[in-house]
Amino acid sequence: MDRKTLNRIGLAAAILLVPGGLILGAGLAARRYRKRTEDADAAKADSQ
């Protein structure tokens, strides 16, 4: 394959894969944040 074809394949992969990666990353971050707040709430309830 020539360089122009490889560049087009790379660009297409970035356009298709990056939004999915951002969505996945945001979902993982939200789940981690929710778990941390749940753990903090449970610790607070146990201490009372």
PDB file of N, CA and C in Angstrom:
ATOM      1  N   MET A   1       0.832  -1.181   0.000  1.00  0.00           N
ATOM      2  CA  MET A   1       0.000   0.000   0.000  1.00  0.00           C
ATOM      3  C   MET A   1       0.876   1.244   0.000  1.00  0.00           C
ATOM      4  N   ASP A   2       0.371   2.262  -0.614  1.00  0.00           N
ATOM      5  CA  ASP A   2       1.145   3.500  -0.628  1.00  0.00           C
ATOM      6  C   ASP A   2       0.787   4.362   0.586  1.00  0.00           C
ATOM      7  N   ARG A   3       1.565   5.383   0.784  1.00  0.00           N
ATOM      8  CA  ARG A   3       1.435   6.227   1.973  1.00  0.00           C
ATOM      9  C   ARG A   3       0.082   6.941   2.043  1.00  0.00           C
ATOM     10  N   LYS A   4      -0.433   7.367   0.889  1.00  0.00           N
ATOM     11  CA  LYS A   4      -1.710   8.079   0.858  1.00  0.00           C
ATOM     12  C   LYS A   4      -2.844   7.166   1.329  1.00  0.00           C
ATOM     13  N   THR A   5      -2.818   5.925   0.919  1.00  0.00           N
ATOM     14  CA  THR A   5      -3.845   4.961   1.334  1.00  0.00           C
ATOM     15  C   THR A   5      -3.759   4.707   2.834  1.00  0.00           C
ATOM     16  N   LEU A   6      -2.543   4.541   3.344  1.00  0.00           N
ATOM     17  CA  LEU A   6      -2.363   4.307   4.773  1.00  0.00           C
ATOM     18  C   LEU A   6      -2.835   5.503   5.596  1.00  0.00           C
ATOM     19  N   ASN A   7      -2.573   6.708   5.114  1.00  0.00           N
ATOM     20  CA  ASN A   7      -3.040   7.904   5.816  1.00  0.00           C
ATOM     21  C   ASN A   7      -4.565   7.963   5.854  1.00  0.00           C
ATOM     22  N   ARG A   8      -5.200   7.590   4.753  1.00  0.00           N
ATOM     23  CA  ARG A   8      -6.669   7.594   4.715  1.00  0.00           C
ATOM     24  C   ARG A   8      -7.238   6.536   5.660  1.00  0.00           C
ATOM     25  N   ILE A   9      -6.611   5.372   5.721  1.00  0.00           N
ATOM     26  CA  ILE A   9      -7.064   4.317   6.630  1.00  0.00           C
ATOM     27  C   ILE A   9      -6.909   4.784   8.078  1.00  0.00           C
ATOM     28  N   GLY A  10      -5.784   5.409   8.388  1.00  0.00           N
ATOM     29  CA  GLY A  10      -5.559   5.912   9.743  1.00  0.00           C
ATOM     30  C   GLY A  10      -6.572   6.980  10.128  1.00  0.00           C
ATOM     31  N   LEU A  11      -6.868   7.877   9.210  1.00  0.00           N
ATOM     32  CA  LEU A  11      -7.853   8.923   9.468  1.00  0.00           C
ATOM     33  C   LEU A  11      -9.236   8.328   9.686  1.00  0.00           C
ATOM     34  N   ALA A  12      -9.618   7.373   8.853  1.00  0.00           N
ATOM     35  CA  ALA A  12     -10.921   6.726   9.010  1.00  0.00           C
ATOM     36  C   ALA A  12     -11.005   5.998  10.351  1.00  0.00           C
ATOM     37  N   ALA A  13      -9.942   5.324  10.744  1.00  0.00           N
ATOM     38  CA  ALA A  13      -9.934   4.622  12.035  1.00  0.00           C
ATOM     39  C   ALA A  13     -10.064   5.607  13.186  1.00  0.00           C
ATOM     40  N   ALA A  14      -9.366   6.728  13.108  1.00  0.00           N
ATOM     41  CA  ALA A  14      -9.440   7.731  14.181  1.00  0.00           C
ATOM     42  C   ALA A  14     -10.847   8.310  14.280  1.00  0.00           C
ATOM     43  N   ILE A  15     -11.470   8.589  13.157  1.00  0.00           N
ATOM     44  CA  ILE A  15     -12.818   9.163  13.156  1.00  0.00           C
ATOM     45  C   ILE A  15     -13.825   8.165  13.721  1.00  0.00           C
ATOM     46  N   LEU A  16     -13.657   6.894  13.401  1.00  0.00           N
ATOM     47  CA  LEU A  16     -14.622   5.891  13.845  1.00  0.00           C
ATOM     48  C   LEU A  16     -14.380   5.420  15.277  1.00  0.00           C
ATOM     49  N   LEU A  17     -13.127   5.337  15.701  1.00  0.00           N
ATOM     50  CA  LEU A  17     -12.813   4.745  16.994  1.00  0.00           C
ATOM     51  C   LEU A  17     -12.745   5.746  18.140  1.00  0.00           C
ATOM     52  N   VAL A  18     -12.330   6.968  17.887  1.00  0.00           N
ATOM     53  CA  VAL A  18     -12.157   7.942  18.963  1.00  0.00           C
ATOM     54  C   VAL A  18     -13.485   8.269  19.655  1.00  0.00           C
ATOM     55  N   PRO A  19     -14.573   8.535  18.940  1.00  0.00           N
ATOM     56  CA  PRO A  19     -15.824   8.819  19.659  1.00  0.00           C
ATOM     57  C   PRO A  19     -16.256   7.661  20.558  1.00  0.00           C
ATOM     58  N   GLY A  20     -16.067   6.436  20.100  1.00  0.00           N
ATOM     59  CA  GLY A  20     -16.395   5.278  20.927  1.00  0.00           C
ATOM     60  C   GLY A  20     -15.518   5.215  22.158  1.00  0.00           C
ATOM     61  N   GLY A  21     -14.256   5.549  22.016  1.00  0.00           N
ATOM     62  CA  GLY A  21     -13.345   5.560  23.152  1.00  0.00           C
ATOM     63  C   GLY A  21     -13.713   6.634  24.156  1.00  0.00           C
ATOM     64  N   LEU A  22     -14.156   7.782  23.662  1.00  0.00           N
ATOM     65  CA  LEU A  22     -14.571   8.857  24.556  1.00  0.00           C
ATOM     66  C   LEU A  22     -15.828   8.476  25.330  1.00  0.00           C
ATOM     67  N   ILE A  23     -16.748   7.827  24.645  1.00  0.00           N
ATOM     68  CA  ILE A  23     -17.981   7.392  25.308  1.00  0.00           C
ATOM     69  C   ILE A  23     -17.663   6.334  26.355  1.00  0.00           C
ATOM     70  N   LEU A  24     -16.808   5.385  26.003  1.00  0.00           N
ATOM     71  CA  LEU A  24     -16.415   4.345  26.950  1.00  0.00           C
ATOM     72  C   LEU A  24     -15.695   4.945  28.154  1.00  0.00           C
ATOM     73  N   GLY A  25     -14.784   5.864  27.906  1.00  0.00           N
ATOM     74  CA  GLY A  25     -14.054   6.507  28.991  1.00  0.00           C
ATOM     75  C   GLY A  25     -14.972   7.296  29.911  1.00  0.00           C
ATOM     76  N   ALA A  26     -15.933   7.995  29.337  1.00  0.00           N
ATOM     77  CA  ALA A  26     -16.875   8.764  30.146  1.00  0.00           C
ATOM     78  C   ALA A  26     -17.742   7.836  30.992  1.00  0.00           C
ATOM     79  N   GLY A  27     -18.140   6.717  30.416  1.00  0.00           N
ATOM     80  CA  GLY A  27     -18.938   5.745  31.166  1.00  0.00           C
ATOM     81  C   GLY A  27     -18.158   5.156  32.329  1.00  0.00           C
ATOM     82  N   LEU A  28     -16.898   4.826  32.102  1.00  0.00           N
ATOM     83  CA  LEU A  28     -16.061   4.273  33.169  1.00  0.00           C
ATOM     84  C   LEU A  28     -15.819   5.305  34.271  1.00  0.00           C
ATOM     85  N   ALA A  29     -15.590   6.549  33.875  1.00  0.00           N
ATOM     86  CA  ALA A  29     -15.368   7.604  34.868  1.00  0.00           C
ATOM     87  C   ALA A  29     -16.625   7.836  35.695  1.00  0.00           C
ATOM     88  N   ALA A  30     -17.791   7.820  35.057  1.00  0.00           N
ATOM     89  CA  ALA A  30     -19.049   8.027  35.786  1.00  0.00           C
ATOM     90  C   ALA A  30     -19.293   6.888  36.766  1.00  0.00           C
ATOM     91  N   ARG A  31     -19.005   5.666  36.337  1.00  0.00           N
ATOM     92  CA  ARG A  31     -19.200   4.519  37.231  1.00  0.00           C
ATOM     93  C   ARG A  31     -18.260   4.597  38.428  1.00  0.00           C
ATOM     94  N   ARG A  32     -17.028   5.011  38.184  1.00  0.00           N
ATOM     95  CA  ARG A  32     -16.057   5.138  39.271  1.00  0.00           C
ATOM     96  C   ARG A  32     -16.483   6.231  40.257  1.00  0.00           C
ATOM     97  N   TYR A  33     -16.971   7.353  39.747  1.00  0.00           N
ATOM     98  CA  TYR A  33     -17.419   8.455  40.594  1.00  0.00           C
ATOM     99  C   TYR A  33     -18.618   8.032  41.441  1.00  0.00           C
ATOM    100  N   ARG A  34     -19.580   7.330  40.801  1.00  0.00           N
ATOM    101  CA  ARG A  34     -20.753   6.853  41.537  1.00  0.00           C
ATOM    102  C   ARG A  34     -20.348   5.892  42.645  1.00  0.00           C
ATOM    103  N   LYS A  35     -19.431   4.981  42.355  1.00  0.00           N
ATOM    104  CA  LYS A  35     -18.990   4.016  43.367  1.00  0.00           C
ATOM    105  C   LYS A  35     -18.304   4.734  44.527  1.00  0.00           C
ATOM    106  N   ARG A  36     -17.473   5.722  44.221  1.00  0.00           N
ATOM    107  CA  ARG A  36     -16.776   6.458  45.270  1.00  0.00           C
ATOM    108  C   ARG A  36     -17.771   7.191  46.168  1.00  0.00           C
ATOM    109  N   THR A  37     -18.806   7.806  45.594  1.00  0.00           N
ATOM    110  CA  THR A  37     -19.787   8.519  46.414  1.00  0.00           C
ATOM    111  C   THR A  37     -20.623   7.533  47.223  1.00  0.00           C
ATOM    112  N   GLU A  38     -20.944   6.366  46.646  1.00  0.00           N
ATOM    113  CA  GLU A  38     -21.681   5.350  47.393  1.00  0.00           C
ATOM    114  C   GLU A  38     -20.849   4.846  48.573  1.00  0.00           C
ATOM    115  N   ASP A  39     -19.558   4.617  48.347  1.00  0.00           N
ATOM    116  CA  ASP A  39     -18.675   4.165  49.417  1.00  0.00           C
ATOM    117  C   ASP A  39     -18.570   5.220  50.522  1.00  0.00           C
ATOM    118  N   ALA A  40     -18.489   6.476  50.145  1.00  0.00           N
ATOM    119  CA  ALA A  40     -18.402   7.555  51.124  1.00  0.00           C
ATOM    120  C   ALA A  40     -19.703   7.648  51.925  1.00  0.00           C
ATOM    121  N   ASP A  41     -20.825   7.494  51.248  1.00  0.00           N
ATOM    122  CA  ASP A  41     -22.119   7.538  51.943  1.00  0.00           C
ATOM    123  C   ASP A  41     -22.256   6.355  52.906  1.00  0.00           C
ATOM    124  N   ALA A  42     -21.792   5.184  52.492  1.00  0.00           N
ATOM    125  CA  ALA A  42     -21.867   4.007  53.364  1.00  0.00           C
ATOM    126  C   ALA A  42     -20.970   4.186  54.588  1.00  0.00           C
ATOM    127  N   ALA A  43     -19.792   4.734  54.393  1.00  0.00           N
ATOM    128  CA  ALA A  43     -18.878   4.960  55.514  1.00  0.00           C
ATOM    129  C   ALA A  43     -19.474   5.994  56.470  1.00  0.00           C
ATOM    130  N   LYS A  44     -20.115   6.984  55.923  1.00  0.00           N
ATOM    131  CA  LYS A  44     -20.748   8.027  56.755  1.00  0.00           C
ATOM    132  C   LYS A  44     -21.890   7.436  57.565  1.00  0.00           C
ATOM    133  N   ALA A  45     -22.684   6.558  56.955  1.00  0.00           N
ATOM    134  CA  ALA A  45     -23.816   5.929  57.645  1.00  0.00           C
ATOM    135  C   ALA A  45     -23.308   4.988  58.740  1.00  0.00           C
ATOM    136  N   ASP A  46     -22.200   4.286  58.492  1.00  0.00           N
ATOM    137  CA  ASP A  46     -21.646   3.367  59.488  1.00  0.00           C
ATOM    138  C   ASP A  46     -21.104   4.116  60.703  1.00  0.00           C
ATOM    139  N   SER A  47     -20.578   5.304  60.478  1.00  0.00           N
ATOM    140  CA  SER A  47     -19.966   6.054  61.581  1.00  0.00           C
ATOM    141  C   SER A  47     -21.009   6.724  62.478  1.00  0.00           C
ATOM    142  N   GLN A  48     -22.233   6.809  61.996  1.00  0.00           N
ATOM    143  CA  GLN A  48     -23.266   7.488  62.797  1.00  0.00           C
ATOM    144  C   GLN A  48     -23.943   6.556  63.748  1.00  0.00           C
TER     145      GLN A  48
END
